Protein backbone atom coordinates (compact mmCIF):
# COMPACT_ATOMS: atom_id res chain seq x y z
CA GLN A 1 -39.86 -138.67 -194.85
CA VAL A 2 -38.79 -135.83 -197.17
CA GLN A 3 -35.71 -133.81 -197.39
CA LEU A 4 -35.72 -130.43 -199.05
CA VAL A 5 -32.83 -128.85 -200.72
CA GLU A 6 -33.12 -125.40 -202.33
CA SER A 7 -31.06 -123.86 -205.08
CA GLY A 8 -30.80 -121.13 -207.71
CA GLY A 9 -31.08 -117.81 -205.90
CA GLY A 10 -28.64 -115.24 -205.75
CA LEU A 11 -28.36 -111.51 -206.96
CA VAL A 12 -30.17 -110.03 -209.70
CA GLN A 13 -31.07 -106.62 -211.19
CA ALA A 14 -34.61 -105.35 -211.24
CA GLY A 15 -36.70 -106.54 -214.04
CA GLY A 16 -34.39 -109.93 -214.33
CA SER A 17 -35.21 -113.55 -213.83
CA LEU A 18 -34.42 -116.35 -211.88
CA ARG A 19 -35.22 -120.08 -211.65
CA LEU A 20 -35.35 -121.70 -208.20
CA SER A 21 -35.10 -125.29 -207.94
CA CYS A 22 -36.02 -127.36 -204.92
CA SER A 23 -34.90 -131.05 -205.04
CA ALA A 24 -36.70 -133.78 -202.95
CA SER A 25 -34.73 -136.69 -201.56
CA GLY A 26 -36.98 -139.38 -199.94
CA ARG A 27 -39.86 -142.11 -201.82
CA THR A 28 -42.54 -139.52 -200.75
CA PHE A 29 -41.96 -136.52 -202.93
CA SER A 30 -45.12 -138.07 -205.69
CA THR A 31 -47.17 -137.95 -202.88
CA CYS A 32 -46.45 -134.76 -201.61
CA ALA A 33 -47.86 -131.06 -202.22
CA MET A 34 -45.28 -128.11 -202.68
CA GLY A 35 -45.32 -124.98 -201.87
CA TRP A 36 -42.49 -122.01 -202.04
CA PHE A 37 -42.39 -119.78 -199.49
CA ARG A 38 -40.57 -116.25 -199.00
CA GLN A 39 -39.53 -113.96 -195.65
CA ALA A 40 -38.24 -110.80 -196.05
CA PRO A 41 -36.19 -109.00 -193.17
CA GLY A 42 -38.94 -108.01 -190.31
CA LYS A 43 -41.41 -109.52 -191.84
CA GLU A 44 -43.69 -112.76 -191.66
CA ARG A 45 -43.12 -115.42 -193.93
CA GLU A 46 -45.71 -115.62 -196.77
CA LEU A 47 -47.05 -118.12 -199.10
CA VAL A 48 -45.57 -117.15 -202.79
CA ALA A 49 -47.32 -120.15 -204.94
CA ALA A 50 -48.59 -123.37 -204.40
CA ILE A 51 -48.99 -127.02 -206.33
CA SER A 52 -50.72 -129.67 -206.38
CA ARG A 53 -49.25 -133.41 -205.81
CA SER A 54 -50.29 -134.20 -209.84
CA GLY A 55 -49.10 -130.54 -211.06
CA GLY A 56 -52.07 -129.69 -212.17
CA ASN A 57 -53.18 -126.92 -209.96
CA THR A 58 -51.53 -124.23 -208.68
CA TYR A 59 -52.11 -121.22 -206.54
CA TYR A 60 -50.17 -118.12 -206.33
CA ALA A 61 -50.38 -114.84 -204.26
CA ASP A 62 -51.91 -111.99 -205.81
CA SER A 63 -48.47 -110.06 -206.45
CA MET A 64 -46.80 -112.88 -207.74
CA LYS A 65 -49.48 -113.43 -210.44
CA GLY A 66 -48.09 -113.11 -213.74
CA ARG A 67 -44.45 -112.99 -213.09
CA PHE A 68 -43.65 -116.21 -211.18
CA THR A 69 -44.81 -119.74 -212.06
CA ILE A 70 -44.37 -122.96 -209.96
CA SER A 71 -44.00 -126.49 -211.53
CA ARG A 72 -42.56 -129.77 -210.63
CA ASP A 73 -40.81 -132.62 -212.18
CA THR A 74 -41.79 -135.84 -210.30
CA ALA A 75 -39.49 -138.21 -212.04
CA LYS A 76 -36.41 -135.43 -210.67
CA ARG A 77 -37.95 -134.75 -207.50
CA THR A 78 -37.87 -131.32 -207.97
CA VAL A 79 -39.92 -128.04 -208.02
CA TYR A 80 -39.57 -124.94 -209.85
CA LEU A 81 -40.19 -121.77 -208.97
CA GLN A 82 -39.59 -119.14 -211.89
CA MET A 83 -39.15 -115.63 -211.38
CA ASN A 84 -39.58 -113.11 -213.80
CA SER A 85 -39.85 -109.39 -214.00
CA LEU A 86 -37.99 -109.21 -210.58
CA LYS A 87 -38.77 -106.22 -208.19
CA PRO A 88 -36.57 -105.29 -205.11
CA GLU A 89 -39.75 -105.95 -202.91
CA ASP A 90 -39.10 -109.24 -204.21
CA THR A 91 -36.03 -109.65 -201.66
CA ALA A 92 -36.35 -112.28 -199.28
CA VAL A 93 -35.21 -115.72 -198.06
CA TYR A 94 -37.37 -118.58 -200.33
CA TYR A 95 -38.28 -122.01 -198.96
CA CYS A 96 -39.68 -124.73 -200.50
CA ALA A 97 -41.77 -126.62 -198.43
CA ALA A 98 -44.06 -130.04 -198.80
CA LYS A 99 -47.09 -131.45 -197.50
CA THR A 100 -47.62 -135.01 -197.80
CA ALA A 101 -51.36 -135.25 -199.94
CA THR A 102 -54.02 -137.71 -200.08
CA VAL A 103 -55.76 -135.75 -203.06
CA ASP A 104 -54.14 -135.23 -206.41
CA THR A 105 -55.82 -131.56 -206.94
CA TYR A 106 -55.44 -130.35 -203.88
CA PHE A 107 -52.82 -127.54 -203.17
CA TYR A 108 -51.97 -125.70 -199.46
CA THR A 109 -52.11 -122.28 -198.82
CA ARG A 110 -52.01 -122.71 -195.05
CA GLU A 111 -47.88 -122.38 -193.72
CA GLY A 112 -48.72 -124.55 -190.81
CA LEU A 113 -49.82 -127.33 -193.02
CA TYR A 114 -46.90 -127.99 -194.54
CA ASN A 115 -44.97 -131.29 -192.96
CA TYR A 116 -41.42 -130.59 -194.47
CA TRP A 117 -39.28 -127.19 -195.18
CA GLY A 118 -35.79 -126.22 -196.88
CA GLN A 119 -33.03 -124.42 -195.31
CA GLY A 120 -34.17 -121.62 -197.77
CA THR A 121 -31.94 -119.68 -200.51
CA GLN A 122 -31.40 -116.03 -200.78
CA VAL A 123 -32.97 -113.52 -203.01
CA THR A 124 -31.66 -110.58 -204.00
CA VAL A 125 -33.22 -107.78 -206.22
CA SER A 126 -31.30 -104.69 -206.80
CA SER A 127 -32.91 -101.51 -207.89
């Protein structure tokens, strides 16, 4: 069992930066691949970025490439999402998710594969 708690959201001007954190409790964090998703008002939830349980492999949605960075600190049981050059269209609730994984190098892009979800943190980017 993994419990996830996101933090770091808030209001920022366009062009600014935020770093989201997702703290995990439970002994199985090190066996989980992780992902960040977001859901804007009136839109479906979408994948932002994913990272393997080793941290060595990452994936980014096209619109996030070059602006967002996902990373993890297994000792701290935390996964991060560094967001730079934020745009108003990045406004959404951001969710952290975990998937138990048997392979160190795999990341997962399908929402339905994730076992555990946080409650989300609001990110608002003003123009």
